[in-house]
N, C-alpha and C. Protein backbone atom coordinates (compact mmCIF):
# COMPACT_ATOMS: atom_id res chain seq x y z
N UNK A 1 112.07 80.57 79.36
CA UNK A 1 110.84 81.35 79.45
C UNK A 1 110.85 82.36 80.62
N UNK A 2 110.31 83.54 80.42
CA UNK A 2 110.49 84.61 81.53
C UNK A 2 109.79 83.94 82.84
N UNK A 3 108.68 83.46 82.66
CA UNK A 3 107.83 83.06 83.79
C UNK A 3 108.33 81.72 84.38
N UNK A 4 109.08 80.89 83.49
CA UNK A 4 109.51 79.71 84.05
C UNK A 4 110.87 79.85 84.74
N UNK A 5 111.53 80.97 84.69
CA UNK A 5 112.82 81.19 85.32
C UNK A 5 112.71 82.03 86.46
N UNK A 6 112.99 81.47 87.73
CA UNK A 6 112.79 82.27 88.89
C UNK A 6 113.94 83.45 88.78
N UNK A 7 115.00 83.17 88.38
CA UNK A 7 116.08 84.07 88.30
C UNK A 7 115.76 85.24 87.43
N UNK A 8 115.30 84.91 86.29
CA UNK A 8 115.03 86.00 85.24
C UNK A 8 113.84 86.85 85.64
N UNK A 9 112.79 86.12 86.15
CA UNK A 9 111.59 86.85 86.66
C UNK A 9 111.95 87.94 87.72
N UNK A 10 112.64 87.41 88.77
CA UNK A 10 113.06 88.35 89.87
C UNK A 10 113.88 89.45 89.38
N UNK A 11 114.87 89.13 88.56
CA UNK A 11 115.84 90.12 88.10
C UNK A 11 115.13 91.14 87.16
N UNK A 12 114.40 90.76 86.31
CA UNK A 12 113.64 91.83 85.42
C UNK A 12 112.61 92.64 86.12
N UNK A 13 111.86 91.84 87.07
CA UNK A 13 110.77 92.57 87.82
C UNK A 13 111.45 93.59 88.72
N UNK A 14 112.54 93.30 89.25
CA UNK A 14 113.23 94.18 90.14
C UNK A 14 113.71 95.41 89.43
N UNK A 15 114.34 95.04 88.30
CA UNK A 15 114.81 96.30 87.44
C UNK A 15 113.81 97.10 87.01
N UNK A 16 112.68 96.65 86.56
CA UNK A 16 111.57 97.44 86.00
C UNK A 16 110.96 98.26 87.18
N UNK A 17 110.73 97.69 88.32
CA UNK A 17 110.06 98.39 89.50
C UNK A 17 111.15 99.52 90.02
N UNK A 18 112.40 99.36 89.99
CA UNK A 18 113.43 100.32 90.47
C UNK A 18 113.44 101.53 89.52
N UNK A 19 113.02 101.39 88.25
CA UNK A 19 112.77 102.34 87.36
C UNK A 19 111.45 103.07 87.50
N UNK A 20 110.47 102.30 87.53
CA UNK A 20 109.05 102.74 87.45
C UNK A 20 108.66 103.51 88.80
N UNK A 21 108.98 102.95 89.94
CA UNK A 21 108.42 103.42 91.21
C UNK A 21 108.81 104.89 91.51
N UNK A 22 110.23 105.07 91.36
CA UNK A 22 110.65 106.58 91.54
C UNK A 22 110.16 107.51 90.50
N UNK A 23 110.00 107.03 89.23
CA UNK A 23 109.55 107.91 88.02
C UNK A 23 108.07 108.20 88.36
N UNK A 24 107.28 107.32 88.81
CA UNK A 24 105.79 107.64 89.14
C UNK A 24 105.77 108.78 90.21
N UNK A 25 106.68 108.59 91.21
CA UNK A 25 106.76 109.69 92.33
C UNK A 25 107.08 110.99 91.71
N UNK A 26 108.09 111.02 90.90
CA UNK A 26 108.53 112.19 90.33
C UNK A 26 107.49 112.91 89.38
N UNK A 27 106.78 112.09 88.66
CA UNK A 27 105.68 112.67 87.87
C UNK A 27 104.50 113.12 88.67
N UNK A 28 104.29 112.46 89.67
CA UNK A 28 103.14 112.83 90.59
C UNK A 28 103.33 114.26 91.11
N UNK A 29 104.55 114.47 91.57
CA UNK A 29 104.79 115.86 92.24
C UNK A 29 104.51 116.96 91.03
N UNK A 30 104.85 116.68 89.85
CA UNK A 30 104.62 117.64 88.91
C UNK A 30 103.21 117.88 88.68
N UNK A 31 102.32 116.78 88.52
CA UNK A 31 100.87 117.03 88.26
C UNK A 31 100.16 117.40 89.50
N UNK A 32 100.77 117.33 90.58
CA UNK A 32 100.10 117.51 91.83
C UNK A 32 99.54 119.03 92.04
N UNK A 33 98.28 119.25 92.05
CA UNK A 33 97.86 120.77 92.18
C UNK A 33 98.36 121.40 93.38
N UNK A 34 98.66 120.53 94.46
CA UNK A 34 99.24 121.11 95.64
C UNK A 34 100.62 121.53 95.57
N UNK A 35 101.36 121.19 94.49
CA UNK A 35 102.71 121.66 94.22
C UNK A 35 102.75 123.18 93.87
N UNK A 36 101.69 123.57 93.23
CA UNK A 36 101.64 124.89 92.63
C UNK A 36 100.62 125.92 93.24
N UNK A 37 100.92 127.11 93.43
CA UNK A 37 99.91 128.05 93.79
C UNK A 37 99.58 128.02 95.25
N UNK A 38 98.28 128.00 95.60
CA UNK A 38 97.83 128.02 97.02
C UNK A 38 98.42 126.69 97.75
N UNK A 39 98.94 126.95 98.86
CA UNK A 39 99.52 125.69 99.72
C UNK A 39 98.48 124.92 100.37
N UNK A 40 97.18 125.39 100.28
CA UNK A 40 96.06 124.71 101.04
C UNK A 40 95.65 123.71 100.01
N UNK A 41 95.76 122.32 100.29
CA UNK A 41 95.43 121.36 99.34
C UNK A 41 94.01 121.37 99.12
N UNK A 42 93.15 121.72 100.05
CA UNK A 42 91.69 121.67 99.71
C UNK A 42 91.34 122.72 98.61
N UNK A 43 92.15 123.72 98.49
CA UNK A 43 91.86 124.74 97.41
C UNK A 43 92.42 124.16 96.09
N UNK A 44 93.62 123.67 96.06
CA UNK A 44 94.21 123.30 94.77
C UNK A 44 93.55 121.98 94.36
N UNK A 45 93.05 121.07 95.26
CA UNK A 45 92.38 119.92 94.75
C UNK A 45 91.05 120.26 94.28
N UNK A 46 90.36 121.13 94.91
CA UNK A 46 89.06 121.56 94.53
C UNK A 46 89.01 122.25 93.14
N UNK A 47 90.04 123.02 92.78
CA UNK A 47 90.12 123.61 91.40
C UNK A 47 90.63 122.60 90.30
N UNK A 48 91.32 121.55 90.79
CA UNK A 48 91.76 120.58 89.69
C UNK A 48 91.48 119.01 90.31
N UNK A 49 90.22 118.77 90.35
CA UNK A 49 89.95 117.36 90.91
C UNK A 49 90.52 116.21 90.08
N UNK A 50 90.56 116.45 88.79
CA UNK A 50 91.16 115.20 88.02
C UNK A 50 92.56 114.98 88.35
N UNK A 51 93.49 116.14 88.28
CA UNK A 51 94.74 116.22 88.60
C UNK A 51 95.06 115.67 90.01
N UNK A 52 94.24 115.97 90.82
CA UNK A 52 94.29 115.66 92.31
C UNK A 52 94.17 114.11 92.42
N UNK A 53 93.23 113.38 91.76
CA UNK A 53 93.07 112.04 91.85
C UNK A 53 94.15 111.24 91.08
N UNK A 54 94.60 111.92 90.01
CA UNK A 54 95.83 111.36 89.29
C UNK A 54 97.06 111.21 90.13
N UNK A 55 97.43 112.42 90.75
CA UNK A 55 98.57 112.34 91.46
C UNK A 55 98.55 111.40 92.74
N UNK A 56 97.38 111.36 93.37
CA UNK A 56 97.02 110.61 94.45
C UNK A 56 97.35 109.11 94.12
N UNK A 57 96.76 108.64 92.94
CA UNK A 57 96.97 107.27 92.41
C UNK A 57 98.34 107.04 92.10
N UNK A 58 99.01 107.93 91.54
CA UNK A 58 100.45 107.79 91.10
C UNK A 58 101.30 107.66 92.43
N UNK A 59 101.14 108.49 93.34
CA UNK A 59 101.89 108.39 94.57
C UNK A 59 101.71 106.97 95.19
N UNK A 60 100.45 106.60 95.28
CA UNK A 60 99.93 105.29 95.84
C UNK A 60 100.77 104.20 95.36
N UNK A 61 100.74 104.10 93.89
CA UNK A 61 101.32 103.04 93.23
C UNK A 61 102.84 103.05 93.23
N UNK A 62 103.41 104.31 93.35
CA UNK A 62 104.77 104.50 93.47
C UNK A 62 105.31 103.81 94.69
N UNK A 63 104.65 104.27 95.70
CA UNK A 63 105.08 103.76 97.02
C UNK A 63 104.75 102.22 97.23
N UNK A 64 103.73 101.79 96.77
CA UNK A 64 103.54 100.30 96.93
C UNK A 64 104.53 99.61 96.00
N UNK A 65 104.79 99.98 94.88
CA UNK A 65 105.82 99.38 94.08
C UNK A 65 107.21 99.47 94.66
N UNK A 66 107.57 100.53 95.23
CA UNK A 66 108.75 100.66 95.91
C UNK A 66 108.93 99.68 97.06
N UNK A 67 107.94 99.27 97.76
CA UNK A 67 108.00 98.43 98.85
C UNK A 67 108.35 96.98 98.29
N UNK A 68 107.91 96.64 97.07
CA UNK A 68 108.19 95.37 96.37
C UNK A 68 109.59 95.53 95.80
N UNK A 69 109.99 96.67 95.16
CA UNK A 69 111.32 96.84 94.64
C UNK A 69 112.38 96.77 95.75
N UNK A 70 112.12 96.97 97.00
CA UNK A 70 113.10 96.86 98.00
C UNK A 70 113.48 95.29 98.19
N UNK A 71 112.73 94.39 97.89
CA UNK A 71 113.10 92.97 97.88
C UNK A 71 114.12 92.65 96.76
N UNK A 72 113.98 93.32 95.72
CA UNK A 72 114.98 93.18 94.62
C UNK A 72 116.34 93.75 95.09
N UNK A 73 116.44 94.87 95.78
CA UNK A 73 117.60 95.36 96.23
C UNK A 73 118.25 94.43 97.39
N UNK A 74 117.41 93.82 98.13
CA UNK A 74 117.92 92.91 99.20
C UNK A 74 118.51 91.68 98.61
N UNK A 75 118.25 91.37 97.45
CA UNK A 75 118.85 90.22 96.85
C UNK A 75 120.42 90.41 96.70
N UNK A 76 120.90 91.56 96.45
CA UNK A 76 122.33 91.77 96.24
C UNK A 76 123.04 91.97 97.52
N UNK A 77 122.46 91.81 98.67
CA UNK A 77 123.19 92.12 99.95
C UNK A 77 123.19 90.78 100.75
N UNK A 78 123.17 89.75 99.96
CA UNK A 78 123.27 88.45 100.74
C UNK A 78 124.55 88.00 101.12
N UNK A 79 125.62 88.65 100.67
CA UNK A 79 127.05 88.25 101.06
C UNK A 79 127.61 89.38 101.94
N UNK A 80 127.46 90.58 101.51
CA UNK A 80 128.10 91.74 102.20
C UNK A 80 127.12 92.71 102.67
N UNK A 81 127.35 93.42 103.79
CA UNK A 81 126.45 94.44 104.31
C UNK A 81 125.01 93.83 104.57
N UNK A 82 125.17 92.60 105.04
CA UNK A 82 123.82 91.95 105.16
C UNK A 82 122.97 92.38 106.35
N UNK A 83 123.56 92.83 107.54
CA UNK A 83 122.77 93.37 108.59
C UNK A 83 122.11 94.72 108.31
N UNK A 84 122.96 95.59 107.87
CA UNK A 84 122.41 96.90 107.55
C UNK A 84 121.49 96.91 106.43
N UNK A 85 121.68 96.00 105.43
CA UNK A 85 120.83 95.89 104.29
C UNK A 85 119.42 95.41 104.71
N UNK A 86 119.35 94.34 105.47
CA UNK A 86 118.22 93.87 105.95
C UNK A 86 117.35 94.78 106.82
N UNK A 87 118.13 95.44 107.77
CA UNK A 87 117.40 96.56 108.47
C UNK A 87 116.72 97.57 107.76
N UNK A 88 117.64 98.15 106.69
CA UNK A 88 117.07 99.07 105.72
C UNK A 88 115.90 98.68 104.93
N UNK A 89 116.07 97.30 104.53
CA UNK A 89 114.97 96.75 103.69
C UNK A 89 113.74 96.52 104.31
N UNK A 90 113.82 96.08 105.68
CA UNK A 90 112.61 95.84 106.48
C UNK A 90 111.81 97.21 106.69
N UNK A 91 112.69 98.24 107.08
CA UNK A 91 112.10 99.63 107.21
C UNK A 91 111.46 100.16 105.99
N UNK A 92 112.17 99.90 104.82
CA UNK A 92 111.66 100.40 103.55
C UNK A 92 110.22 99.69 103.16
N UNK A 93 110.21 98.56 103.33
CA UNK A 93 108.93 97.74 103.11
C UNK A 93 107.84 98.15 103.90
N UNK A 94 108.01 98.24 105.28
CA UNK A 94 106.88 98.74 106.24
C UNK A 94 106.62 100.14 105.96
N UNK A 95 107.62 100.95 105.78
CA UNK A 95 107.41 102.52 105.60
C UNK A 95 106.76 102.77 104.36
N UNK A 96 107.01 102.15 103.25
CA UNK A 96 106.21 102.51 101.92
C UNK A 96 104.94 102.03 102.02
N UNK A 97 104.57 100.82 102.52
CA UNK A 97 103.20 100.40 102.72
C UNK A 97 102.40 101.36 103.56
N UNK A 98 102.99 101.89 104.65
CA UNK A 98 102.37 102.74 105.50
C UNK A 98 101.99 104.10 104.85
N UNK A 99 103.09 104.64 104.15
CA UNK A 99 102.82 105.98 103.35
C UNK A 99 101.83 105.84 102.29
N UNK A 100 101.68 104.77 101.62
CA UNK A 100 100.84 104.54 100.56
C UNK A 100 99.35 104.57 101.09
N UNK A 101 99.20 104.17 102.32
CA UNK A 101 97.92 104.09 102.90
C UNK A 101 97.15 105.57 103.06
N UNK A 102 98.22 106.44 103.42
CA UNK A 102 97.81 107.88 103.68
C UNK A 102 97.19 108.53 102.45
N UNK A 103 97.48 107.88 101.27
CA UNK A 103 96.99 108.67 100.00
C UNK A 103 95.42 108.81 100.03
N UNK A 104 94.72 108.02 100.62
CA UNK A 104 93.34 108.03 100.72
C UNK A 104 92.85 109.32 101.44
N UNK A 105 93.80 110.12 102.05
CA UNK A 105 93.42 111.33 102.59
C UNK A 105 93.22 112.41 101.57
N UNK A 106 93.70 112.26 100.40
CA UNK A 106 93.66 113.27 99.30
C UNK A 106 92.20 113.34 98.83
N UNK A 107 91.56 112.25 98.53
CA UNK A 107 90.14 112.37 98.13
C UNK A 107 89.29 112.83 99.27
N UNK A 108 89.55 112.57 100.48
CA UNK A 108 88.78 113.08 101.55
C UNK A 108 88.96 114.66 101.67
N UNK A 109 90.17 114.98 101.50
CA UNK A 109 90.43 116.55 101.60
C UNK A 109 89.68 117.24 100.39
N UNK A 110 89.74 116.57 99.21
CA UNK A 110 88.92 117.18 98.11
C UNK A 110 87.55 117.32 98.31
N UNK A 111 86.96 116.24 98.97
CA UNK A 111 85.57 116.20 99.28
C UNK A 111 85.16 117.32 100.35
N UNK A 112 86.07 117.44 101.27
CA UNK A 112 85.90 118.45 102.37
C UNK A 112 86.00 119.90 101.72
N UNK A 113 86.82 119.97 100.73
CA UNK A 113 87.13 121.27 100.22
C UNK A 113 85.95 121.75 99.31
N UNK A 114 85.20 120.90 98.78
CA UNK A 114 84.01 121.08 98.05
C UNK A 114 82.83 121.62 98.89
N UNK A 115 82.87 121.35 100.02
CA UNK A 115 81.67 121.54 101.06
C UNK A 115 81.91 122.70 102.14
N UNK A 116 83.18 122.85 102.23
CA UNK A 116 83.64 123.83 103.49
C UNK A 116 84.64 124.71 102.92
N UNK A 117 84.88 125.75 103.72
CA UNK A 117 85.89 126.79 103.43
C UNK A 117 87.26 126.09 103.55
N UNK A 118 88.34 126.68 102.99
CA UNK A 118 89.58 125.94 103.22
C UNK A 118 89.92 125.74 104.74
N UNK A 119 89.70 126.74 105.46
CA UNK A 119 89.88 126.69 106.96
C UNK A 119 89.13 125.65 107.56
N UNK A 120 87.76 125.50 107.30
CA UNK A 120 87.08 124.54 107.84
C UNK A 120 87.47 123.11 107.37
N UNK A 121 87.75 123.02 106.08
CA UNK A 121 88.23 121.69 105.58
C UNK A 121 89.41 121.17 106.28
N UNK A 122 90.38 122.12 106.35
CA UNK A 122 91.57 121.70 107.08
C UNK A 122 91.38 121.30 108.52
N UNK A 123 90.53 122.00 109.13
CA UNK A 123 90.18 121.74 110.62
C UNK A 123 89.54 120.30 110.72
N UNK A 124 88.58 119.98 109.83
CA UNK A 124 87.95 118.63 109.88
C UNK A 124 88.97 117.56 109.62
N UNK A 125 89.81 117.85 108.61
CA UNK A 125 90.88 116.86 108.22
C UNK A 125 91.78 116.60 109.36
N UNK A 126 92.18 117.66 110.02
CA UNK A 126 93.12 117.44 111.14
C UNK A 126 92.49 116.68 112.38
N UNK A 127 91.04 116.95 112.43
CA UNK A 127 90.45 116.13 113.55
C UNK A 127 90.45 114.63 113.17
N UNK A 128 90.28 114.32 111.99
CA UNK A 128 90.43 112.96 111.53
C UNK A 128 91.75 112.39 111.58
N UNK A 129 92.73 113.07 111.10
CA UNK A 129 94.08 112.63 111.05
C UNK A 129 94.76 112.52 112.41
N UNK A 130 94.31 113.29 113.38
CA UNK A 130 94.87 113.25 114.66
C UNK A 130 94.24 112.34 115.68
N UNK A 131 93.40 111.41 115.22
CA UNK A 131 92.90 110.37 116.00
C UNK A 131 94.09 109.47 116.40
N UNK A 132 94.14 109.00 117.62
CA UNK A 132 95.17 108.12 118.08
C UNK A 132 95.30 106.87 117.17
N UNK A 133 94.26 106.26 116.74
CA UNK A 133 94.32 105.17 115.81
C UNK A 133 95.01 105.40 114.55
N UNK A 134 94.78 106.53 114.08
CA UNK A 134 95.36 106.95 112.75
C UNK A 134 96.88 107.34 112.84
N UNK A 135 96.99 108.09 113.88
CA UNK A 135 98.54 108.56 114.30
C UNK A 135 99.40 107.45 114.38
N UNK A 136 99.05 106.46 115.41
CA UNK A 136 99.95 105.51 115.78
C UNK A 136 99.74 104.26 114.89
N UNK A 137 98.63 104.13 114.16
CA UNK A 137 98.37 102.94 113.27
C UNK A 137 99.00 103.16 111.92
N UNK A 138 98.89 104.38 111.42
CA UNK A 138 99.37 104.55 110.00
C UNK A 138 100.54 105.57 109.88
N UNK A 139 100.70 106.47 110.79
CA UNK A 139 101.61 107.59 110.67
C UNK A 139 102.95 107.41 111.44
N UNK A 140 102.93 107.46 112.75
CA UNK A 140 104.18 107.51 113.49
C UNK A 140 104.44 106.22 114.18
N UNK A 141 105.74 105.68 114.04
CA UNK A 141 106.88 106.37 113.25
C UNK A 141 106.91 105.80 111.89
N UNK A 142 105.98 105.04 111.42
CA UNK A 142 106.09 104.30 110.21
C UNK A 142 106.40 104.94 109.01
N UNK A 143 105.81 106.14 108.80
CA UNK A 143 106.10 106.93 107.46
C UNK A 143 107.59 107.23 107.36
N UNK A 144 108.32 107.50 108.56
CA UNK A 144 109.69 107.93 108.39
C UNK A 144 110.53 106.67 108.20
N UNK A 145 109.96 105.52 108.37
CA UNK A 145 110.78 104.31 107.93
C UNK A 145 111.20 104.30 106.49
N UNK A 146 110.33 104.79 105.70
CA UNK A 146 110.63 104.75 104.28
C UNK A 146 111.71 105.76 103.94
N UNK A 147 111.68 106.95 104.55
CA UNK A 147 112.70 107.91 104.23
C UNK A 147 114.03 107.64 104.74
N UNK A 148 114.15 106.75 105.89
CA UNK A 148 115.38 106.31 106.44
C UNK A 148 115.84 104.99 105.96
N UNK A 149 114.84 104.09 105.68
CA UNK A 149 115.17 102.73 105.30
C UNK A 149 115.73 102.61 104.01
N UNK A 150 115.33 103.33 103.04
CA UNK A 150 115.77 103.19 101.68
C UNK A 150 117.13 103.68 101.46
N UNK A 151 117.58 104.83 102.17
CA UNK A 151 118.91 105.23 101.94
C UNK A 151 119.82 104.29 102.68
N UNK A 152 119.34 103.68 103.79
CA UNK A 152 120.23 102.58 104.40
C UNK A 152 120.31 101.38 103.49
N UNK A 153 119.26 100.99 102.91
CA UNK A 153 119.37 99.87 101.98
C UNK A 153 120.24 100.00 100.81
N UNK A 154 120.17 101.27 100.21
CA UNK A 154 121.04 101.61 99.07
C UNK A 154 122.39 101.71 99.42
N UNK A 155 122.73 102.26 100.76
CA UNK A 155 124.08 102.27 101.20
C UNK A 155 124.58 100.78 101.22
N UNK A 156 123.84 99.90 101.75
CA UNK A 156 124.19 98.46 101.76
C UNK A 156 124.53 97.99 100.31
N UNK A 157 123.61 98.24 99.45
CA UNK A 157 123.86 97.83 98.11
C UNK A 157 125.26 98.25 97.48
N UNK A 158 125.49 99.56 97.84
CA UNK A 158 126.78 100.16 97.36
C UNK A 158 127.90 99.42 97.99
N UNK A 159 127.83 99.09 99.35
CA UNK A 159 128.92 98.53 100.10
C UNK A 159 129.05 96.98 99.66
N UNK A 160 128.02 96.43 99.01
CA UNK A 160 128.08 95.12 98.48
C UNK A 160 128.56 94.99 97.08
N UNK A 161 128.90 96.26 96.62
CA UNK A 161 129.47 96.29 95.20
C UNK A 161 128.55 96.27 94.14
N UNK A 162 127.32 96.40 94.36
CA UNK A 162 126.25 96.29 93.39
C UNK A 162 125.69 97.62 92.82
N UNK A 163 126.35 98.77 93.32
CA UNK A 163 125.89 100.04 92.82
C UNK A 163 126.99 101.04 92.99
N UNK A 164 127.07 102.19 92.26
CA UNK A 164 127.87 103.28 92.38
C UNK A 164 127.56 104.05 93.72
N UNK A 165 128.65 104.73 94.19
CA UNK A 165 128.29 105.40 95.53
C UNK A 165 127.34 106.60 95.25
N UNK A 166 127.16 106.95 93.97
CA UNK A 166 126.18 108.06 93.83
C UNK A 166 124.71 107.57 93.99
N UNK A 167 124.55 106.23 93.99
CA UNK A 167 123.18 105.86 94.25
C UNK A 167 122.69 106.07 95.57
N UNK A 168 123.39 105.70 96.72
CA UNK A 168 122.98 106.13 98.09
C UNK A 168 122.85 107.59 98.34
N UNK A 169 123.88 108.31 97.75
CA UNK A 169 123.77 109.77 97.76
C UNK A 169 122.68 110.48 97.09
N UNK A 170 122.17 110.01 95.97
CA UNK A 170 121.02 110.63 95.28
C UNK A 170 119.75 110.21 95.95
N UNK A 171 119.68 109.02 96.60
CA UNK A 171 118.53 108.49 97.44
C UNK A 171 118.49 109.34 98.70
N UNK A 172 119.53 109.48 99.36
CA UNK A 172 119.53 110.16 100.65
C UNK A 172 119.18 111.78 100.34
N UNK A 173 119.75 112.21 99.38
CA UNK A 173 119.41 113.66 99.13
C UNK A 173 118.04 113.81 98.71
N UNK A 174 117.40 112.90 97.98
CA UNK A 174 116.03 113.02 97.48
C UNK A 174 115.00 112.81 98.57
N UNK A 175 115.25 111.89 99.50
CA UNK A 175 114.28 111.54 100.48
C UNK A 175 114.45 112.27 101.85
N UNK A 176 115.72 112.24 102.37
CA UNK A 176 116.11 112.84 103.54
C UNK A 176 116.00 114.48 103.33
N UNK A 177 116.54 114.81 102.27
CA UNK A 177 116.60 116.29 102.03
C UNK A 177 115.36 116.95 101.92
N UNK A 178 114.42 116.18 101.36
CA UNK A 178 113.09 116.70 101.14
C UNK A 178 112.20 117.02 102.44
N UNK A 179 112.63 116.34 103.52
CA UNK A 179 111.94 116.45 104.75
C UNK A 179 111.83 117.85 105.26
N UNK A 180 112.88 118.66 105.47
CA UNK A 180 112.71 119.94 105.94
C UNK A 180 112.23 120.99 104.98
N UNK A 181 112.07 120.74 103.69
CA UNK A 181 111.68 121.57 102.66
C UNK A 181 110.23 121.63 102.58
N UNK A 182 109.59 122.70 102.52
CA UNK A 182 108.14 122.70 102.32
C UNK A 182 107.77 122.22 101.02
N UNK A 183 106.69 121.35 101.04
CA UNK A 183 106.22 120.73 99.74
C UNK A 183 105.82 121.69 98.74
N UNK A 184 106.43 121.77 97.60
CA UNK A 184 106.15 122.67 96.46
C UNK A 184 107.06 122.51 95.29
N UNK A 185 107.34 123.40 94.54
CA UNK A 185 108.06 123.26 93.29
C UNK A 185 109.57 122.76 93.62
N UNK A 186 110.11 123.22 94.75
CA UNK A 186 111.37 122.72 95.09
C UNK A 186 111.49 121.14 95.24
N UNK A 187 110.23 120.58 95.68
CA UNK A 187 110.23 119.10 95.87
C UNK A 187 110.50 118.29 94.59
N UNK A 188 110.16 118.98 93.46
CA UNK A 188 110.49 118.23 92.14
C UNK A 188 111.95 117.86 92.06
N UNK A 189 112.88 118.82 92.43
CA UNK A 189 114.28 118.38 92.22
C UNK A 189 114.55 117.18 93.14
N UNK A 190 114.02 117.27 94.40
CA UNK A 190 114.36 116.13 95.37
C UNK A 190 113.77 114.93 94.83
N UNK A 191 112.55 114.87 94.33
CA UNK A 191 111.94 113.54 93.91
C UNK A 191 112.68 113.04 92.58
N UNK A 192 113.26 114.01 91.81
CA UNK A 192 113.96 113.56 90.63
C UNK A 192 115.32 112.85 90.84
N UNK A 193 115.83 113.21 92.16
CA UNK A 193 117.21 112.58 92.38
C UNK A 193 117.11 110.91 92.51
N UNK A 194 116.15 110.44 93.21
CA UNK A 194 116.10 109.00 93.31
C UNK A 194 115.79 108.33 91.90
N UNK A 195 115.16 109.08 91.03
CA UNK A 195 114.94 108.50 89.61
C UNK A 195 116.26 108.09 89.07
N UNK A 196 117.27 108.95 89.23
CA UNK A 196 118.47 108.72 88.60
C UNK A 196 119.31 107.60 89.36
N UNK A 197 119.28 107.73 90.69
CA UNK A 197 120.03 106.63 91.41
C UNK A 197 119.36 105.26 91.34
N UNK A 198 118.09 105.15 91.61
CA UNK A 198 117.42 103.81 91.62
C UNK A 198 117.35 103.38 90.16
N UNK A 199 117.09 104.28 89.21
CA UNK A 199 117.02 103.98 87.86
C UNK A 199 118.19 103.25 87.27
N UNK A 200 119.30 103.77 87.73
CA UNK A 200 120.68 103.27 87.31
C UNK A 200 120.95 101.79 87.74
N UNK A 201 120.38 101.51 89.06
CA UNK A 201 120.43 100.23 89.48
C UNK A 201 119.37 99.24 88.77
N UNK A 202 118.27 99.86 88.45
CA UNK A 202 117.39 99.02 87.65
C UNK A 202 117.85 98.67 86.33
N UNK A 203 118.46 99.55 85.69
CA UNK A 203 119.05 99.21 84.43
C UNK A 203 120.14 98.19 84.33
N UNK A 204 121.00 98.31 85.59
CA UNK A 204 122.07 97.36 85.77
C UNK A 204 121.31 95.97 85.93
N UNK A 205 120.34 95.86 86.71
CA UNK A 205 119.76 94.59 86.94
C UNK A 205 119.20 94.00 85.65
N UNK A 206 118.64 94.87 84.78
CA UNK A 206 118.13 94.39 83.45
C UNK A 206 119.09 93.91 82.54
N UNK A 207 120.33 94.50 82.63
CA UNK A 207 121.45 94.21 81.76
C UNK A 207 122.23 93.01 82.41
N UNK A 208 121.98 92.45 83.55
CA UNK A 208 122.52 91.42 84.09
C UNK A 208 122.23 90.08 83.37
N UNK A 209 123.05 89.17 83.35
CA UNK A 209 122.83 87.82 82.90
C UNK A 209 122.18 87.02 84.14
N UNK A 210 121.33 86.03 83.81
CA UNK A 210 120.81 85.28 84.99
C UNK A 210 121.94 84.65 85.83
N UNK A 211 123.00 84.37 85.34
CA UNK A 211 124.10 83.70 85.99
C UNK A 211 124.66 84.78 87.09
N UNK A 212 124.79 86.06 86.59
CA UNK A 212 125.33 87.00 87.47
C UNK A 212 124.31 87.29 88.64
N UNK A 213 123.08 87.22 88.33
CA UNK A 213 121.96 87.38 89.41
C UNK A 213 122.09 86.24 90.36
N UNK A 214 122.19 85.12 89.85
CA UNK A 214 122.25 84.02 90.79
C UNK A 214 123.62 83.95 91.70
N UNK A 215 124.63 84.60 91.18
CA UNK A 215 125.88 84.62 91.86
C UNK A 215 125.83 85.38 93.17
N UNK A 216 124.76 86.23 93.40
CA UNK A 216 124.70 86.82 94.64
C UNK A 216 124.05 85.97 95.84
N UNK A 217 123.66 84.76 95.44
CA UNK A 217 123.20 83.83 96.47
C UNK A 217 124.51 83.36 97.29
N UNK A 218 124.39 83.21 98.65
CA UNK A 218 125.42 82.74 99.37
C UNK A 218 125.80 81.16 99.16
N UNK A 219 126.93 80.85 99.30
CA UNK A 219 127.22 79.44 99.20
C UNK A 219 127.44 78.79 100.44
N UNK A 220 127.46 77.51 100.60
CA UNK A 220 127.44 76.64 101.76
C UNK A 220 128.36 75.48 101.57
N UNK A 221 128.35 74.72 102.66
CA UNK A 221 129.23 73.53 102.66
C UNK A 221 128.72 72.58 101.43
N UNK A 222 129.75 71.76 100.96
CA UNK A 222 129.42 70.92 99.85
C UNK A 222 128.38 70.00 100.37
N UNK A 223 127.36 69.70 99.37
CA UNK A 223 126.35 68.74 99.67
C UNK A 223 125.12 69.39 100.27
N UNK A 224 125.24 70.58 100.77
CA UNK A 224 124.01 71.21 101.42
C UNK A 224 123.29 71.99 100.41
N UNK A 225 122.01 71.90 100.39
CA UNK A 225 121.16 72.60 99.58
C UNK A 225 120.97 74.06 99.90
N UNK A 226 121.31 74.98 98.98
CA UNK A 226 121.19 76.39 99.19
C UNK A 226 120.40 77.12 98.11
N UNK A 227 119.99 78.37 98.31
CA UNK A 227 119.23 79.05 97.22
C UNK A 227 120.18 79.11 95.95
N UNK A 228 121.61 79.15 96.16
CA UNK A 228 122.43 79.15 94.93
C UNK A 228 122.33 77.99 94.16
N UNK A 229 122.49 76.68 94.77
CA UNK A 229 122.42 75.48 94.16
C UNK A 229 121.14 75.18 93.66
N UNK A 230 120.04 75.65 94.31
CA UNK A 230 118.56 75.35 93.81
C UNK A 230 118.27 76.23 92.59
N UNK A 231 118.72 77.49 92.72
CA UNK A 231 118.57 78.44 91.50
C UNK A 231 119.36 77.94 90.33
N UNK A 232 120.50 77.34 90.45
CA UNK A 232 121.21 76.87 89.26
C UNK A 232 120.36 75.63 88.64
N UNK A 233 119.60 74.98 89.34
CA UNK A 233 118.82 73.74 88.90
C UNK A 233 117.63 74.13 88.28
N UNK A 234 117.11 75.37 88.74
CA UNK A 234 115.63 75.79 88.28
C UNK A 234 115.56 76.90 87.28
N UNK A 235 116.73 77.82 87.35
CA UNK A 235 116.62 78.95 86.52
C UNK A 235 116.76 78.85 85.12
């Protein structure tokens, strides 16, 4: 049974999340009113409040689920590229949780845009977001951990032989390449790249047998209990 097998549950959950999380992000940028027209979000959100709330929720869940999906990627770097994989994995988890928390600024910006001019709304939002507790508690440097950590983690996954070299390339192009580009229609192409790379890993996980998934556990001296031996008795 799916819920009775630790190997099957982790493998399938990881595969589904690696497909779903980047796809949610790619769809979010398409429906985001801030992607099109006026680059002042208070204006776009005010004109399309339903889409503004939808994209905010989609980004939130994309990044929350990506933090969980990172644990699935960490599974395949237990034997090779262990150090860089765990550094990238830790950065990814912390970074995506931090980024998802910032999505609550979207409804705040919409609320301000309904009551003030775009300039006033932006000024009020900046005053809130520039508070030291917000900057160092939620933003810096944590939000950049996600954009740096995931490329590192997928590089380790490739080095471990669990993914094609195009996977870290598409993830790096998608996340690092999008940083200097103004948020807008061009971002759609960048957000689409990780859908291909991470999605291919997700599909591979789903097609794996439980035995292949278990094989990524490291082995130890005979007679010593390891995740490998334990999984073989419980999977």
